[in-house]
């Protein structure tokens, strides 16, 4: 079998697992993004300083290098580029227009409303005065966010009309399109739901859902981790599965990874927040492997290269595991990372990016993550209690 040539869009620390898997399989690995110092480049056979959002430049590179597959692992901005390149080169991928709908919050909300999914009232604007008129219609509380950012960057919950101006300006800072979504606040029941799934031949062959956790002391809109398995009802799980399949059918999504973000109301009825056409960040695929034995990293790479993935099936969850994103509650200089004795026994994997003396930022987006951990717990109760009150067990102490 000749060596397969695979292009990875992005080479950050969180994109290293699929790069390593591809290398282990003997594939020829190429990486590209606009940050030469990213660690994934050091592992690749070759790398190119090309932005993953420049779809024409990436297509030109891909044609020149005669690639056999393209992967946008855990990257929202790169997902449309992946689809574009695959479509133009006849590689495994999904329709570009459909992936664009999933990747852009404004297009996604419009599509959901048009096809009668349960969705909050939502609209998107280039100009503040148009957003102000809309907010008067829907009222507060409302969520203001860029149409095209990732990692919860640029998102604000507002509770008064006069807060819109600063929230709108903040969202614009994180939008390439310079367009901002304003939508009614969805009153959810229970935890926000996260997790990943995988599509094989147009069917949602596998999914594993988690409870999304936030730090009430810093930013209630940026996740600090996900705990598995989800505690939501069977009713909501079945509805979530069938509504996801309906969406996949409407969009013609046939292959690859999905990253879920959704919530449900007091009746247990399911509503999409987002459905990312890519694997989740925050170590979600790695934790899913612990809890189900399913290696979504393997399937992501194999699927992109057109290898057979029909052996992928739903698997029951075993045990209680979570991811956790180490973060600071304020801007400042790190003095130390404090661990309680109660949490040390839970940590089974840990990567710390920060050292004492480093300047760090308050946690306002996934770009402010200071380290990552995978934890294992004895019971669901222990897991949820520790994840919801992590400030009692683990903290970044400032000078």
Protein backbone atom coordinates (compact mmCIF):
# COMPACT_ATOMS: atom_id res chain seq x y z
CA UNK A 1 0.00 0.00 0.00
CA UNK A 2 1.48 3.37 -1.01
CA UNK A 3 1.96 6.00 1.67
CA UNK A 4 -1.09 8.27 2.11
CA UNK A 5 -0.52 12.03 2.21
CA UNK A 6 -2.69 13.81 4.79
CA UNK A 7 -2.97 17.55 5.45
CA UNK A 8 -3.84 18.79 8.95
CA UNK A 9 -5.34 22.28 9.15
CA UNK A 10 -3.78 23.59 12.35
CA UNK A 11 -0.91 22.39 14.52
CA UNK A 12 -1.74 23.58 18.05
CA UNK A 13 -1.12 21.44 21.13
CA UNK A 14 -4.68 20.12 21.02
CA UNK A 15 -4.27 19.03 17.39
CA UNK A 16 -1.27 16.82 18.14
CA UNK A 17 -3.20 13.56 18.91
CA UNK A 18 -4.46 12.98 15.34
CA UNK A 19 -1.08 14.05 13.93
CA UNK A 20 0.59 11.40 16.12
CA UNK A 21 -1.97 8.77 15.11
CA UNK A 22 -1.36 9.49 11.41
CA UNK A 23 2.40 9.22 11.91
CA UNK A 24 1.96 5.92 13.79
CA UNK A 25 -0.02 4.59 10.81
CA UNK A 26 2.86 5.41 8.48
CA UNK A 27 1.10 8.25 6.64
CA UNK A 28 2.96 11.26 5.24
CA UNK A 29 1.91 14.16 7.48
CA UNK A 30 1.69 17.78 6.33
CA UNK A 31 0.55 20.64 8.61
CA UNK A 32 -0.40 24.21 7.86
CA UNK A 33 -1.44 27.32 9.76
CA UNK A 34 -0.22 30.90 10.24
CA UNK A 35 1.75 30.28 13.48
CA UNK A 36 5.21 28.83 12.74
CA UNK A 37 5.92 28.09 16.41
CA UNK A 38 2.91 25.75 16.84
CA UNK A 39 4.13 22.39 18.24
CA UNK A 40 2.42 20.15 15.67
CA UNK A 41 4.67 21.49 12.90
CA UNK A 42 7.70 19.94 14.62
CA UNK A 43 6.16 16.46 14.27
CA UNK A 44 5.11 16.76 10.61
CA UNK A 45 7.12 15.61 7.62
CA UNK A 46 6.59 19.10 6.24
CA UNK A 47 4.67 22.22 7.24
CA UNK A 48 3.50 25.36 5.47
CA UNK A 49 2.85 28.86 6.74
CA UNK A 50 -0.66 29.19 5.27
CA UNK A 51 -3.73 30.36 7.21
CA UNK A 52 -6.32 27.61 7.64
CA UNK A 53 -9.10 30.13 6.89
CA UNK A 54 -7.67 31.04 3.46
CA UNK A 55 -9.50 28.37 1.52
CA UNK A 56 -8.07 29.24 -1.91
CA UNK A 57 -4.49 29.21 -0.60
CA UNK A 58 -5.05 25.89 1.18
CA UNK A 59 -6.63 24.43 -1.98
CA UNK A 60 -3.61 25.54 -4.04
CA UNK A 61 -1.26 23.98 -1.51
CA UNK A 62 -3.30 20.75 -1.41
CA UNK A 63 -3.31 20.42 -5.20
CA UNK A 64 0.42 21.06 -5.40
CA UNK A 65 1.14 18.47 -2.69
CA UNK A 66 -1.34 15.92 -4.15
CA UNK A 67 -2.89 15.12 -0.76
CA UNK A 68 -5.13 12.07 -0.16
CA UNK A 69 -7.07 13.54 2.77
CA UNK A 70 -7.59 16.71 4.80
CA UNK A 71 -8.48 17.08 8.51
CA UNK A 72 -9.67 20.09 10.54
CA UNK A 73 -9.39 18.59 14.02
CA UNK A 74 -11.05 20.61 16.84
CA UNK A 75 -11.06 23.78 14.73
CA UNK A 76 -14.26 25.64 13.82
CA UNK A 77 -12.58 28.21 11.54
CA UNK A 78 -10.81 25.47 9.52
CA UNK A 79 -13.88 23.24 9.03
CA UNK A 80 -15.25 25.11 5.96
CA UNK A 81 -11.76 25.08 4.41
CA UNK A 82 -11.55 21.31 4.91
CA UNK A 83 -14.92 20.86 3.18
CA UNK A 84 -13.96 23.24 0.35
CA UNK A 85 -10.68 21.45 -0.40
CA UNK A 86 -12.29 18.00 -0.19
CA UNK A 87 -15.12 19.06 -2.53
CA UNK A 88 -12.78 20.62 -5.11
CA UNK A 89 -10.35 17.66 -5.07
CA UNK A 90 -12.89 14.83 -4.86
CA UNK A 91 -11.66 13.73 -1.42
CA UNK A 92 -13.78 12.46 1.49
CA UNK A 93 -15.67 15.37 3.00
CA UNK A 94 -19.06 17.04 3.34
CA UNK A 95 -20.79 19.66 1.15
CA UNK A 96 -19.04 23.01 1.56
CA UNK A 97 -22.30 24.98 1.80
CA UNK A 98 -23.60 22.65 4.53
CA UNK A 99 -20.41 22.89 6.58
CA UNK A 100 -20.54 26.68 6.24
CA UNK A 101 -24.07 26.63 7.69
CA UNK A 102 -22.86 24.60 10.69
CA UNK A 103 -19.77 26.79 11.19
CA UNK A 104 -21.56 30.16 11.07
CA UNK A 105 -23.92 30.92 13.95
CA UNK A 106 -26.16 33.21 11.90
CA UNK A 107 -26.59 30.76 9.01
CA UNK A 108 -27.17 27.88 11.44
CA UNK A 109 -29.90 29.69 13.41
CA UNK A 110 -31.67 30.67 10.18
CA UNK A 111 -31.52 27.08 8.89
CA UNK A 112 -32.87 25.64 12.16
CA UNK A 113 -35.78 28.10 12.24
CA UNK A 114 -36.64 27.43 8.59
CA UNK A 115 -36.82 23.67 9.25
CA UNK A 116 -38.87 23.87 12.47
CA UNK A 117 -36.22 22.91 15.02
CA UNK A 118 -36.69 24.26 18.56
CA UNK A 119 -34.59 27.41 18.47
CA UNK A 120 -34.43 30.77 20.33
CA UNK A 121 -35.35 33.94 18.43
CA UNK A 122 -32.11 35.04 16.82
CA UNK A 123 -30.80 37.55 14.29
CA UNK A 124 -27.39 38.80 13.17
CA UNK A 125 -26.19 42.32 12.34
CA UNK A 126 -23.28 44.31 10.96
CA UNK A 127 -24.60 47.55 12.49
CA UNK A 128 -25.33 48.35 16.13
CA UNK A 129 -28.48 50.39 15.45
CA UNK A 130 -30.12 47.40 13.71
CA UNK A 131 -29.18 45.17 16.65
CA UNK A 132 -30.72 47.71 19.06
CA UNK A 133 -34.05 47.61 17.22
CA UNK A 134 -34.03 43.79 17.32
CA UNK A 135 -33.19 43.70 21.03
CA UNK A 136 -36.22 45.91 21.73
CA UNK A 137 -38.35 43.23 20.04
CA UNK A 138 -36.95 40.19 21.89
CA UNK A 139 -36.11 41.84 25.22
CA UNK A 140 -33.50 40.86 27.80
CA UNK A 141 -31.81 38.70 28.97
CA UNK A 142 -30.11 38.07 25.63
CA UNK A 143 -26.90 36.50 24.33
CA UNK A 144 -24.57 38.55 22.12
CA UNK A 145 -21.85 36.68 20.19
CA UNK A 146 -19.73 36.80 17.02
CA UNK A 147 -21.20 34.78 14.13
CA UNK A 148 -17.91 33.01 13.46
CA UNK A 149 -15.69 32.73 16.53
CA UNK A 150 -14.77 29.55 18.42
CA UNK A 151 -13.88 28.59 21.96
CA UNK A 152 -16.62 30.82 23.45
CA UNK A 153 -14.61 33.95 22.57
CA UNK A 154 -16.49 37.24 22.39
CA UNK A 155 -19.72 36.02 24.03
CA UNK A 156 -21.71 38.14 26.53
CA UNK A 157 -25.02 37.67 28.34
CA UNK A 158 -26.75 41.02 28.75
CA UNK A 159 -29.54 41.80 31.21
CA UNK A 160 -30.27 45.43 30.23
CA UNK A 161 -30.69 47.25 26.89
CA UNK A 162 -27.85 49.68 27.63
CA UNK A 163 -25.34 46.79 27.86
CA UNK A 164 -25.74 46.02 24.14
CA UNK A 165 -23.25 48.62 22.91
CA UNK A 166 -20.23 47.25 24.80
CA UNK A 167 -21.27 43.60 24.19
CA UNK A 168 -21.61 44.30 20.45
CA UNK A 169 -18.18 45.95 20.27
CA UNK A 170 -16.63 43.08 22.25
CA UNK A 171 -18.15 40.47 19.89
CA UNK A 172 -16.89 42.37 16.82
CA UNK A 173 -13.29 41.99 18.06
CA UNK A 174 -13.59 38.21 17.57
CA UNK A 175 -15.47 38.16 14.24
CA UNK A 176 -13.73 37.83 10.88
CA UNK A 177 -17.06 38.59 9.20
CA UNK A 178 -17.58 41.63 11.52
CA UNK A 179 -21.12 40.42 12.18
CA UNK A 180 -22.80 39.81 15.54
CA UNK A 181 -25.65 37.50 16.60
CA UNK A 182 -28.20 38.75 19.15
CA UNK A 183 -30.59 36.08 20.44
CA UNK A 184 -33.05 35.52 23.23
CA UNK A 185 -31.70 33.72 26.29
CA UNK A 186 -32.81 30.07 26.33
CA UNK A 187 -33.92 29.04 29.83
CA UNK A 188 -32.44 25.59 30.10
CA UNK A 189 -33.00 22.75 32.53
CA UNK A 190 -30.02 20.93 34.01
CA UNK A 191 -26.57 21.08 32.50
CA UNK A 192 -25.67 22.37 29.08
CA UNK A 193 -24.77 19.27 27.05
CA UNK A 194 -21.49 18.70 25.22
CA UNK A 195 -19.86 15.71 23.58
CA UNK A 196 -18.84 14.27 20.24
CA UNK A 197 -20.39 12.05 17.61
CA UNK A 198 -19.36 10.46 14.35
CA UNK A 199 -21.13 10.07 11.01
CA UNK A 200 -20.58 7.02 8.79
CA UNK A 201 -22.35 6.86 5.41
CA UNK A 202 -24.82 9.55 6.46
CA UNK A 203 -25.84 7.92 9.76
CA UNK A 204 -25.02 9.11 13.28
CA UNK A 205 -23.17 5.88 14.06
CA UNK A 206 -21.81 6.96 17.44
CA UNK A 207 -22.32 9.72 20.00
CA UNK A 208 -21.31 10.23 23.60
CA UNK A 209 -22.71 13.14 25.57
CA UNK A 210 -21.39 15.00 28.59
CA UNK A 211 -22.36 17.57 31.21
CA UNK A 212 -20.78 20.96 30.46
CA UNK A 213 -19.27 22.75 33.47
CA UNK A 214 -18.57 26.45 33.96
CA UNK A 215 -16.73 28.41 36.67
CA UNK A 216 -19.25 30.65 38.42
CA UNK A 217 -16.38 32.80 39.77
CA UNK A 218 -14.99 33.87 36.40
CA UNK A 219 -17.13 33.52 33.25
CA UNK A 220 -20.41 31.57 33.16
CA UNK A 221 -20.24 31.25 29.35
CA UNK A 222 -16.82 29.60 28.84
CA UNK A 223 -16.66 25.85 29.66
CA UNK A 224 -13.99 24.69 32.10
CA UNK A 225 -14.61 21.03 31.39
CA UNK A 226 -16.98 18.21 30.51
CA UNK A 227 -18.01 15.25 32.65
CA UNK A 228 -19.11 11.89 31.23
CA UNK A 229 -21.65 10.37 31.00
CA UNK A 230 -24.45 12.94 30.67
CA UNK A 231 -27.18 12.81 33.34
CA UNK A 232 -30.01 13.90 31.01
CA UNK A 233 -33.14 11.78 30.58
CA UNK A 234 -33.60 9.02 28.02
CA UNK A 235 -36.39 11.13 26.51
CA UNK A 236 -33.99 14.00 25.77
CA UNK A 237 -31.24 11.65 24.53
CA UNK A 238 -33.59 9.97 22.05
CA UNK A 239 -34.88 13.33 20.84
CA UNK A 240 -31.34 14.68 20.51
CA UNK A 241 -30.31 11.66 18.44
CA UNK A 242 -33.32 11.81 16.10
CA UNK A 243 -33.15 15.61 15.63
CA UNK A 244 -29.41 15.37 14.92
CA UNK A 245 -30.08 12.70 12.29
CA UNK A 246 -32.81 14.90 10.76
CA UNK A 247 -30.34 17.78 10.53
CA UNK A 248 -27.64 15.55 8.97
CA UNK A 249 -30.15 14.34 6.36
CA UNK A 250 -31.24 17.90 5.51
CA UNK A 251 -27.64 19.08 5.11
CA UNK A 252 -26.34 15.97 3.35
CA UNK A 253 -23.62 15.39 5.96
CA UNK A 254 -22.18 11.93 5.20
CA UNK A 255 -18.84 11.58 6.98
CA UNK A 256 -16.77 12.53 9.96
CA UNK A 257 -16.76 13.98 13.44
CA UNK A 258 -19.40 16.15 15.11
CA UNK A 259 -19.07 18.29 18.24
CA UNK A 260 -22.30 18.88 20.15
CA UNK A 261 -23.40 21.84 22.21
CA UNK A 262 -27.06 21.85 23.15
CA UNK A 263 -29.50 22.31 25.98
CA UNK A 264 -33.02 21.31 26.86
CA UNK A 265 -35.96 23.07 28.48
CA UNK A 266 -38.11 22.18 31.50
CA UNK A 267 -40.09 19.72 29.35
CA UNK A 268 -36.89 17.95 28.33
CA UNK A 269 -37.17 19.20 24.74
CA UNK A 270 -33.87 19.50 22.95
CA UNK A 271 -32.43 22.62 21.27
CA UNK A 272 -29.14 22.95 19.36
CA UNK A 273 -26.70 25.58 20.52
CA UNK A 274 -24.15 24.45 17.96
CA UNK A 275 -23.25 21.36 15.98
CA UNK A 276 -19.61 21.68 15.00
CA UNK A 277 -18.57 19.72 11.88
CA UNK A 278 -15.36 18.62 13.60
CA UNK A 279 -14.06 16.95 16.78
CA UNK A 280 -14.45 18.77 20.09
CA UNK A 281 -11.68 20.59 21.91
CA UNK A 282 -11.17 20.34 25.69
CA UNK A 283 -9.86 16.74 25.28
CA UNK A 284 -13.39 15.49 24.55
CA UNK A 285 -12.27 12.68 22.15
CA UNK A 286 -9.62 11.54 24.65
CA UNK A 287 -12.12 11.36 27.52
CA UNK A 288 -14.63 9.52 25.30
CA UNK A 289 -11.96 6.88 24.68
CA UNK A 290 -11.63 6.39 28.46
CA UNK A 291 -15.38 6.15 28.99
CA UNK A 292 -16.42 4.04 25.95
CA UNK A 293 -13.22 2.56 24.49
CA UNK A 294 -14.01 4.24 21.14
CA UNK A 295 -11.08 6.07 19.53
CA UNK A 296 -12.62 8.98 17.59
CA UNK A 297 -9.15 10.28 16.71
CA UNK A 298 -8.50 7.08 14.73
CA UNK A 299 -11.86 7.30 12.95
CA UNK A 300 -11.32 10.98 12.07
CA UNK A 301 -8.03 10.27 10.31
CA UNK A 302 -9.19 6.99 8.74
CA UNK A 303 -12.42 8.55 7.44
CA UNK A 304 -10.60 11.50 5.86
CA UNK A 305 -8.44 9.04 3.91
CA UNK A 306 -11.45 7.04 2.72
CA UNK A 307 -10.70 4.00 4.88
CA UNK A 308 -13.57 1.73 6.00
CA UNK A 309 -15.21 2.99 9.23
CA UNK A 310 -18.33 0.80 9.19
CA UNK A 311 -17.21 -1.10 12.31
CA UNK A 312 -17.97 1.99 14.44
CA UNK A 313 -20.97 1.32 16.72
CA UNK A 314 -22.57 2.83 19.81
CA UNK A 315 -20.86 1.66 23.00
CA UNK A 316 -22.10 1.87 26.60
CA UNK A 317 -20.26 4.17 29.01
CA UNK A 318 -18.24 2.71 31.86
CA UNK A 319 -17.06 4.78 34.81
CA UNK A 320 -17.00 8.53 35.45
CA UNK A 321 -14.46 10.74 33.72
CA UNK A 322 -14.02 14.42 32.96
CA UNK A 323 -11.81 16.89 31.19
CA UNK A 324 -10.73 20.02 33.05
CA UNK A 325 -9.22 23.25 31.74
CA UNK A 326 -6.87 24.92 34.22
CA UNK A 327 -7.54 28.67 34.26
CA UNK A 328 -6.99 31.93 36.14
CA UNK A 329 -9.73 33.99 37.77
CA UNK A 330 -7.90 37.27 37.03
CA UNK A 331 -5.09 38.80 35.01
CA UNK A 332 -1.76 38.59 36.79
CA UNK A 333 1.43 36.66 37.42
CA UNK A 334 1.30 32.99 38.46
CA UNK A 335 2.73 32.18 41.89
CA UNK A 336 1.77 28.50 42.05
CA UNK A 337 -0.86 25.91 41.16
CA UNK A 338 -2.48 24.58 44.32
CA UNK A 339 -3.90 21.05 44.49
CA UNK A 340 -5.94 19.70 47.40
CA UNK A 341 -5.23 16.15 48.56
CA UNK A 342 -8.81 15.22 47.54
CA UNK A 343 -8.23 16.05 43.86
CA UNK A 344 -4.74 14.59 43.34
CA UNK A 345 -6.11 11.02 43.30
CA UNK A 346 -8.58 11.95 40.50
CA UNK A 347 -6.04 13.24 37.98
CA UNK A 348 -4.98 10.55 35.50
CA UNK A 349 -3.50 12.80 32.80
CA UNK A 350 -2.14 16.34 33.01
CA UNK A 351 -0.44 18.87 30.73
CA UNK A 352 0.42 22.27 32.22
CA UNK A 353 1.32 25.13 29.85
CA UNK A 354 2.11 27.76 32.50
CA UNK A 355 4.90 28.15 35.06
CA UNK A 356 5.37 30.31 38.16
CA UNK A 357 6.30 33.83 37.01
CA UNK A 358 4.23 33.67 33.81
CA UNK A 359 1.82 36.51 33.03
CA UNK A 360 -1.65 35.09 32.43
CA UNK A 361 -5.13 36.35 31.55
CA UNK A 362 -8.51 35.97 33.18
CA UNK A 363 -10.38 33.03 31.61
CA UNK A 364 -12.58 34.61 28.92
CA UNK A 365 -12.09 32.04 26.15
CA UNK A 366 -10.43 28.71 25.43
CA UNK A 367 -7.33 30.66 24.30
CA UNK A 368 -6.73 31.48 28.01
CA UNK A 369 -6.42 27.80 29.06
CA UNK A 370 -3.32 27.29 31.25
CA UNK A 371 -3.32 23.49 31.22
CA UNK A 372 -5.50 20.44 30.65
CA UNK A 373 -6.38 17.43 32.76
CA UNK A 374 -8.35 14.22 32.54
CA UNK A 375 -9.88 13.07 35.81
CA UNK A 376 -11.47 9.83 36.95
CA UNK A 377 -14.06 9.58 39.75
CA UNK A 378 -15.59 6.76 41.78
CA UNK A 379 -19.20 7.95 41.56
CA UNK A 380 -21.38 10.34 39.55
CA UNK A 381 -22.04 12.33 42.73
CA UNK A 382 -18.30 12.82 43.40
CA UNK A 383 -17.72 13.83 39.77
CA UNK A 384 -20.48 16.44 39.61
CA UNK A 385 -19.71 17.86 43.05
CA UNK A 386 -16.00 18.32 42.31
CA UNK A 387 -16.51 19.64 38.79
CA UNK A 388 -19.11 22.19 39.98
CA UNK A 389 -16.96 23.35 42.91
CA UNK A 390 -13.43 22.93 41.57
CA UNK A 391 -12.29 26.17 43.25
CA UNK A 392 -12.27 24.16 46.53
CA UNK A 393 -9.89 21.56 45.11
CA UNK A 394 -7.62 23.20 42.57
CA UNK A 395 -6.61 26.78 41.82
CA UNK A 396 -4.09 29.04 40.15
CA UNK A 397 -2.66 31.30 42.88
CA UNK A 398 -1.37 34.71 41.82
CA UNK A 399 1.57 36.70 43.18
